[in-house]
């Protein structure tokens, strides 16, 4: 079973300073198998995306494409 979980991150960028952003952690049988950092600063957007990925049992190999389409 795959679980997609939104994760809050504190990020520092030398050009713009520090900010909070959300990434998605992917767990398979409670083991972290992938983490995609800094998807969006909007918590609801990332939470919604993670929920849909979990419900559909998206293959982690497709996560980057799904994020690109979702944000595009």
PDB file of N, CA and C in Angstrom:
ATOM      1  N   UNK A   1       0.846  -1.178   0.000  1.00  0.00           N
ATOM      2  CA  UNK A   1       0.000   0.000   0.000  1.00  0.00           C
ATOM      3  C   UNK A   1       0.885   1.233   0.000  1.00  0.00           C
ATOM      4  N   UNK A   2       0.579   2.158  -0.886  1.00  0.00           N
ATOM      5  CA  UNK A   2       1.320   3.408  -0.975  1.00  0.00           C
ATOM      6  C   UNK A   2       0.566   4.517  -0.252  1.00  0.00           C
ATOM      7  N   UNK A   3       1.305   5.340   0.477  1.00  0.00           N
ATOM      8  CA  UNK A   3       0.730   6.503   1.155  1.00  0.00           C
ATOM      9  C   UNK A   3       1.516   7.739   0.735  1.00  0.00           C
ATOM     10  N   UNK A   4       0.800   8.753   0.285  1.00  0.00           N
ATOM     11  CA  UNK A   4       1.390  10.034  -0.104  1.00  0.00           C
ATOM     12  C   UNK A   4       1.032  11.038   0.987  1.00  0.00           C
ATOM     13  N   UNK A   5       2.051  11.642   1.592  1.00  0.00           N
ATOM     14  CA  UNK A   5       1.850  12.483   2.766  1.00  0.00           C
ATOM     15  C   UNK A   5       2.489  13.854   2.549  1.00  0.00           C
ATOM     16  N   UNK A   6       1.712  14.939   2.719  1.00  0.00           N
ATOM     17  CA  UNK A   6       2.307  16.270   2.610  1.00  0.00           C
ATOM     18  C   UNK A   6       3.230  16.528   3.796  1.00  0.00           C
ATOM     19  N   UNK A   7       4.362  17.184   3.540  1.00  0.00           N
ATOM     20  CA  UNK A   7       5.333  17.482   4.601  1.00  0.00           C
ATOM     21  C   UNK A   7       5.746  18.942   4.529  1.00  0.00           C
ATOM     22  N   UNK A   8       5.647  19.622   5.662  1.00  0.00           N
ATOM     23  CA  UNK A   8       6.091  21.011   5.772  1.00  0.00           C
ATOM     24  C   UNK A   8       7.609  21.058   5.827  1.00  0.00           C
ATOM     25  N   UNK A   9       8.182  21.983   5.071  1.00  0.00           N
ATOM     26  CA  UNK A   9       9.635  22.159   5.057  1.00  0.00           C
ATOM     27  C   UNK A   9       9.968  23.624   5.328  1.00  0.00           C
ATOM     28  N   UNK A  10      11.082  23.844   5.964  1.00  0.00           N
ATOM     29  CA  UNK A  10      11.658  25.184   6.099  1.00  0.00           C
ATOM     30  C   UNK A  10      12.827  25.233   5.137  1.00  0.00           C
ATOM     31  N   UNK A  11      12.758  26.126   4.185  1.00  0.00           N
ATOM     32  CA  UNK A  11      13.762  26.183   3.125  1.00  0.00           C
ATOM     33  C   UNK A  11      14.455  27.536   3.153  1.00  0.00           C
ATOM     34  N   UNK A  12      15.754  27.519   2.892  1.00  0.00           N
ATOM     35  CA  UNK A  12      16.501  28.770   2.782  1.00  0.00           C
ATOM     36  C   UNK A  12      17.104  28.855   1.390  1.00  0.00           C
ATOM     37  N   UNK A  13      16.788  29.940   0.717  1.00  0.00           N
ATOM     38  CA  UNK A  13      17.341  30.227  -0.600  1.00  0.00           C
ATOM     39  C   UNK A  13      18.143  31.516  -0.484  1.00  0.00           C
ATOM     40  N   UNK A  14      19.423  31.511  -0.858  1.00  0.00           N
ATOM     41  CA  UNK A  14      20.258  32.709  -0.694  1.00  0.00           C
ATOM     42  C   UNK A  14      19.697  33.944  -1.406  1.00  0.00           C
ATOM     43  N   UNK A  15      18.946  33.729  -2.469  1.00  0.00           N
ATOM     44  CA  UNK A  15      18.426  34.861  -3.233  1.00  0.00           C
ATOM     45  C   UNK A  15      17.152  35.457  -2.653  1.00  0.00           C
ATOM     46  N   UNK A  16      16.298  34.615  -2.046  1.00  0.00           N
ATOM     47  CA  UNK A  16      15.012  35.125  -1.544  1.00  0.00           C
ATOM     48  C   UNK A  16      14.846  34.970  -0.037  1.00  0.00           C
ATOM     49  N   UNK A  17      15.758  34.298   0.619  1.00  0.00           N
ATOM     50  CA  UNK A  17      15.678  34.120   2.060  1.00  0.00           C
ATOM     51  C   UNK A  17      14.974  32.832   2.452  1.00  0.00           C
ATOM     52  N   UNK A  18      14.468  32.811   3.680  1.00  0.00           N
ATOM     53  CA  UNK A  18      13.818  31.614   4.217  1.00  0.00           C
ATOM     54  C   UNK A  18      12.313  31.656   3.963  1.00  0.00           C
ATOM     55  N   UNK A  19      11.742  30.477   3.740  1.00  0.00           N
ATOM     56  CA  UNK A  19      10.303  30.378   3.548  1.00  0.00           C
ATOM     57  C   UNK A  19       9.848  28.959   3.891  1.00  0.00           C
ATOM     58  N   UNK A  20       8.540  28.819   4.077  1.00  0.00           N
ATOM     59  CA  UNK A  20       7.941  27.514   4.328  1.00  0.00           C
ATOM     60  C   UNK A  20       7.327  27.000   3.036  1.00  0.00           C
ATOM     61  N   UNK A  21       7.492  25.721   2.782  1.00  0.00           N
ATOM     62  CA  UNK A  21       6.938  25.090   1.597  1.00  0.00           C
ATOM     63  C   UNK A  21       6.513  23.674   1.962  1.00  0.00           C
ATOM     64  N   UNK A  22       5.778  23.057   1.051  1.00  0.00           N
ATOM     65  CA  UNK A  22       5.303  21.696   1.288  1.00  0.00           C
ATOM     66  C   UNK A  22       5.806  20.768   0.194  1.00  0.00           C
ATOM     67  N   UNK A  23       6.252  19.607   0.610  1.00  0.00           N
ATOM     68  CA  UNK A  23       6.654  18.546  -0.293  1.00  0.00           C
ATOM     69  C   UNK A  23       5.755  17.350  -0.058  1.00  0.00           C
ATOM     70  N   UNK A  24       6.024  16.284  -0.790  1.00  0.00           N
ATOM     71  CA  UNK A  24       5.254  15.049  -0.616  1.00  0.00           C
ATOM     72  C   UNK A  24       6.216  13.897  -0.350  1.00  0.00           C
ATOM     73  N   UNK A  25       5.953  13.184   0.738  1.00  0.00           N
ATOM     74  CA  UNK A  25       6.688  11.965   1.064  1.00  0.00           C
ATOM     75  C   UNK A  25       5.835  10.779   0.624  1.00  0.00           C
ATOM     76  N   UNK A  26       6.493   9.791   0.023  1.00  0.00           N
ATOM     77  CA  UNK A  26       5.795   8.590  -0.420  1.00  0.00           C
ATOM     78  C   UNK A  26       6.288   7.419   0.423  1.00  0.00           C
ATOM     79  N   UNK A  27       5.344   6.752   1.060  1.00  0.00           N
ATOM     80  CA  UNK A  27       5.654   5.601   1.902  1.00  0.00           C
ATOM     81  C   UNK A  27       5.048   4.346   1.290  1.00  0.00           C
ATOM     82  N   UNK A  28       5.804   3.269   1.341  1.00  0.00           N
ATOM     83  CA  UNK A  28       5.286   1.954   0.961  1.00  0.00           C
ATOM     84  C   UNK A  28       5.468   1.047   2.161  1.00  0.00           C
ATOM     85  N   UNK A  29       4.353   0.569   2.695  1.00  0.00           N
ATOM     86  CA  UNK A  29       4.380  -0.253   3.906  1.00  0.00           C
ATOM     87  C   UNK A  29       5.164   0.436   5.022  1.00  0.00           C
ATOM     88  N   UNK A  30       4.882   1.723   5.215  1.00  0.00           N
ATOM     89  CA  UNK A  30       5.456   2.566   6.277  1.00  0.00           C
ATOM     90  C   UNK A  30       6.946   2.875   6.093  1.00  0.00           C
ATOM     91  N   UNK A  31       7.508   2.537   4.936  1.00  0.00           N
ATOM     92  CA  UNK A  31       8.912   2.832   4.651  1.00  0.00           C
ATOM     93  C   UNK A  31       8.971   3.950   3.613  1.00  0.00           C
ATOM     94  N   UNK A  32       9.744   5.005   3.921  1.00  0.00           N
ATOM     95  CA  UNK A  32       9.898   6.117   2.992  1.00  0.00           C
ATOM     96  C   UNK A  32      10.626   5.640   1.742  1.00  0.00           C
ATOM     97  N   UNK A  33      10.001   5.843   0.578  1.00  0.00           N
ATOM     98  CA  UNK A  33      10.635   5.412  -0.667  1.00  0.00           C
ATOM     99  C   UNK A  33      10.944   6.587  -1.599  1.00  0.00           C
ATOM    100  N   UNK A  34      10.313   7.757  -1.359  1.00  0.00           N
ATOM    101  CA  UNK A  34      10.544   8.918  -2.215  1.00  0.00           C
ATOM    102  C   UNK A  34      10.112  10.171  -1.486  1.00  0.00           C
ATOM    103  N   UNK A  35      10.847  11.250  -1.699  1.00  0.00           N
ATOM    104  CA  UNK A  35      10.424  12.554  -1.178  1.00  0.00           C
ATOM    105  C   UNK A  35      10.648  13.588  -2.261  1.00  0.00           C
ATOM    106  N   UNK A  36       9.596  14.338  -2.569  1.00  0.00           N
ATOM    107  CA  UNK A  36       9.679  15.434  -3.526  1.00  0.00           C
ATOM    108  C   UNK A  36       9.539  16.721  -2.734  1.00  0.00           C
ATOM    109  N   UNK A  37      10.574  17.515  -2.767  1.00  0.00           N
ATOM    110  CA  UNK A  37      10.667  18.729  -1.969  1.00  0.00           C
ATOM    111  C   UNK A  37      10.078  19.939  -2.680  1.00  0.00           C
ATOM    112  N   UNK A  38       9.608  20.905  -1.883  1.00  0.00           N
ATOM    113  CA  UNK A  38       9.288  22.258  -2.348  1.00  0.00           C
ATOM    114  C   UNK A  38       8.333  22.273  -3.539  1.00  0.00           C
ATOM    115  N   UNK A  39       7.189  21.629  -3.383  1.00  0.00           N
ATOM    116  CA  UNK A  39       6.193  21.606  -4.455  1.00  0.00           C
ATOM    117  C   UNK A  39       5.428  22.918  -4.497  1.00  0.00           C
ATOM    118  N   UNK A  40       4.989  23.394  -3.329  1.00  0.00           N
ATOM    119  CA  UNK A  40       4.205  24.626  -3.271  1.00  0.00           C
ATOM    120  C   UNK A  40       4.206  25.173  -1.846  1.00  0.00           C
ATOM    121  N   UNK A  41       3.973  26.467  -1.737  1.00  0.00           N
ATOM    122  CA  UNK A  41       3.809  27.080  -0.422  1.00  0.00           C
ATOM    123  C   UNK A  41       2.357  26.986   0.042  1.00  0.00           C
ATOM    124  N   UNK A  42       1.479  26.487  -0.817  1.00  0.00           N
ATOM    125  CA  UNK A  42       0.062  26.364  -0.493  1.00  0.00           C
ATOM    126  C   UNK A  42      -0.241  24.964   0.055  1.00  0.00           C
ATOM    127  N   UNK A  43      -0.470  24.911   1.360  1.00  0.00           N
ATOM    128  CA  UNK A  43      -0.696  23.626   2.030  1.00  0.00           C
ATOM    129  C   UNK A  43      -1.881  22.868   1.453  1.00  0.00           C
ATOM    130  N   UNK A  44      -2.988  23.546   1.210  1.00  0.00           N
ATOM    131  CA  UNK A  44      -4.197  22.871   0.721  1.00  0.00           C
ATOM    132  C   UNK A  44      -3.960  22.225  -0.639  1.00  0.00           C
ATOM    133  N   UNK A  45      -3.208  22.869  -1.493  1.00  0.00           N
ATOM    134  CA  UNK A  45      -2.921  22.336  -2.818  1.00  0.00           C
ATOM    135  C   UNK A  45      -2.136  21.040  -2.715  1.00  0.00           C
ATOM    136  N   UNK A  46      -1.082  21.026  -1.902  1.00  0.00           N
ATOM    137  CA  UNK A  46      -0.242  19.835  -1.755  1.00  0.00           C
ATOM    138  C   UNK A  46      -1.001  18.723  -1.028  1.00  0.00           C
ATOM    139  N   UNK A  47      -1.781  19.073  -0.039  1.00  0.00           N
ATOM    140  CA  UNK A  47      -2.582  18.086   0.687  1.00  0.00           C
ATOM    141  C   UNK A  47      -3.586  17.418  -0.251  1.00  0.00           C
ATOM    142  N   UNK A  48      -4.223  18.208  -1.090  1.00  0.00           N
ATOM    143  CA  UNK A  48      -5.189  17.678  -2.060  1.00  0.00           C
ATOM    144  C   UNK A  48      -4.499  16.738  -3.050  1.00  0.00           C
ATOM    145  N   UNK A  49      -3.353  17.143  -3.548  1.00  0.00           N
ATOM    146  CA  UNK A  49      -2.609  16.311  -4.482  1.00  0.00           C
ATOM    147  C   UNK A  49      -2.190  14.992  -3.833  1.00  0.00           C
ATOM    148  N   UNK A  50      -1.669  15.060  -2.625  1.00  0.00           N
ATOM    149  CA  UNK A  50      -1.242  13.850  -1.914  1.00  0.00           C
ATOM    150  C   UNK A  50      -2.418  12.902  -1.674  1.00  0.00           C
ATOM    151  N   UNK A  51      -3.563  13.463  -1.319  1.00  0.00           N
ATOM    152  CA  UNK A  51      -4.744  12.652  -1.074  1.00  0.00           C
ATOM    153  C   UNK A  51      -5.162  11.908  -2.345  1.00  0.00           C
ATOM    154  N   UNK A  52      -5.179  12.609  -3.472  1.00  0.00           N
ATOM    155  CA  UNK A  52      -5.568  11.980  -4.732  1.00  0.00           C
ATOM    156  C   UNK A  52      -4.569  10.894  -5.144  1.00  0.00           C
ATOM    157  N   UNK A  53      -3.295  11.160  -4.945  1.00  0.00           N
ATOM    158  CA  UNK A  53      -2.279  10.150  -5.289  1.00  0.00           C
ATOM    159  C   UNK A  53      -2.450   8.899  -4.442  1.00  0.00           C
ATOM    160  N   UNK A  54      -2.744   9.074  -3.165  1.00  0.00           N
ATOM    161  CA  UNK A  54      -2.973   7.919  -2.281  1.00  0.00           C
ATOM    162  C   UNK A  54      -4.217   7.144  -2.703  1.00  0.00           C
ATOM    163  N   UNK A  55      -5.295   7.865  -2.978  1.00  0.00           N
ATOM    164  CA  UNK A  55      -6.547   7.213  -3.361  1.00  0.00           C
ATOM    165  C   UNK A  55      -6.391   6.403  -4.644  1.00  0.00           C
ATOM    166  N   UNK A  56      -5.640   6.935  -5.583  1.00  0.00           N
ATOM    167  CA  UNK A  56      -5.456   6.265  -6.877  1.00  0.00           C
ATOM    168  C   UNK A  56      -4.303   5.265  -6.881  1.00  0.00           C
ATOM    169  N   UNK A  57      -3.554   5.215  -5.758  1.00  0.00           N
ATOM    170  CA  UNK A  57      -2.382   4.343  -5.656  1.00  0.00           C
ATOM    171  C   UNK A  57      -1.432   4.581  -6.837  1.00  0.00           C
ATOM    172  N   UNK A  58      -1.155   5.867  -7.054  1.00  0.00           N
ATOM    173  CA  UNK A  58      -0.256   6.289  -8.125  1.00  0.00           C
ATOM    174  C   UNK A  58       1.109   5.643  -7.963  1.00  0.00           C
ATOM    175  N   UNK A  59       1.660   5.147  -9.055  1.00  0.00           N
ATOM    176  CA  UNK A  59       3.022   4.620  -9.022  1.00  0.00           C
ATOM    177  C   UNK A  59       3.979   5.787  -8.783  1.00  0.00           C
ATOM    178  N   UNK A  60       4.903   5.650  -7.838  1.00  0.00           N
ATOM    179  CA  UNK A  60       5.843   6.740  -7.560  1.00  0.00           C
ATOM    180  C   UNK A  60       6.651   7.177  -8.782  1.00  0.00           C
ATOM    181  N   UNK A  61       6.803   6.302  -9.757  1.00  0.00           N
ATOM    182  CA  UNK A  61       7.554   6.668 -10.959  1.00  0.00           C
ATOM    183  C   UNK A  61       6.846   7.758 -11.762  1.00  0.00           C
ATOM    184  N   UNK A  62       5.562   7.954 -11.516  1.00  0.00           N
ATOM    185  CA  UNK A  62       4.791   8.961 -12.243  1.00  0.00           C
ATOM    186  C   UNK A  62       4.573  10.243 -11.440  1.00  0.00           C
ATOM    187  N   UNK A  63       5.073  10.299 -10.216  1.00  0.00           N
ATOM    188  CA  UNK A  63       4.770  11.444  -9.351  1.00  0.00           C
ATOM    189  C   UNK A  63       5.269  12.764  -9.927  1.00  0.00           C
ATOM    190  N   UNK A  64       6.472  12.809 -10.463  1.00  0.00           N
ATOM    191  CA  UNK A  64       6.989  14.072 -10.999  1.00  0.00           C
ATOM    192  C   UNK A  64       6.122  14.583 -12.156  1.00  0.00           C
ATOM    193  N   UNK A  65       5.666  13.686 -13.026  1.00  0.00           N
ATOM    194  CA  UNK A  65       4.793  14.090 -14.130  1.00  0.00           C
ATOM    195  C   UNK A  65       3.455  14.603 -13.613  1.00  0.00           C
ATOM    196  N   UNK A  66       2.910  13.944 -12.604  1.00  0.00           N
ATOM    197  CA  UNK A  66       1.631  14.360 -12.032  1.00  0.00           C
ATOM    198  C   UNK A  66       1.767  15.728 -11.386  1.00  0.00           C
ATOM    199  N   UNK A  67       2.854  15.961 -10.679  1.00  0.00           N
ATOM    200  CA  UNK A  67       3.077  17.281 -10.052  1.00  0.00           C
ATOM    201  C   UNK A  67       3.163  18.358 -11.130  1.00  0.00           C
ATOM    202  N   UNK A  68       3.916  18.087 -12.179  1.00  0.00           N
ATOM    203  CA  UNK A  68       4.050  19.051 -13.261  1.00  0.00           C
ATOM    204  C   UNK A  68       2.687  19.379 -13.886  1.00  0.00           C
ATOM    205  N   UNK A  69       1.892  18.352 -14.149  1.00  0.00           N
ATOM    206  CA  UNK A  69       0.558  18.573 -14.730  1.00  0.00           C
ATOM    207  C   UNK A  69      -0.345  19.314 -13.751  1.00  0.00           C
ATOM    208  N   UNK A  70      -0.280  18.949 -12.485  1.00  0.00           N
ATOM    209  CA  UNK A  70      -1.147  19.547 -11.463  1.00  0.00           C
ATOM    210  C   UNK A  70      -0.842  21.032 -11.304  1.00  0.00           C
ATOM    211  N   UNK A  71       0.420  21.401 -11.345  1.00  0.00           N
ATOM    212  CA  UNK A  71       0.814  22.797 -11.159  1.00  0.00           C
ATOM    213  C   UNK A  71       0.705  23.619 -12.443  1.00  0.00           C
ATOM    214  N   UNK A  72       0.734  22.909 -13.583  1.00  0.00           N
ATOM    215  CA  UNK A  72       0.730  23.595 -14.877  1.00  0.00           C
ATOM    216  C   UNK A  72      -0.600  24.162 -15.184  1.00  0.00           C
TER     217      UNK A  72
END
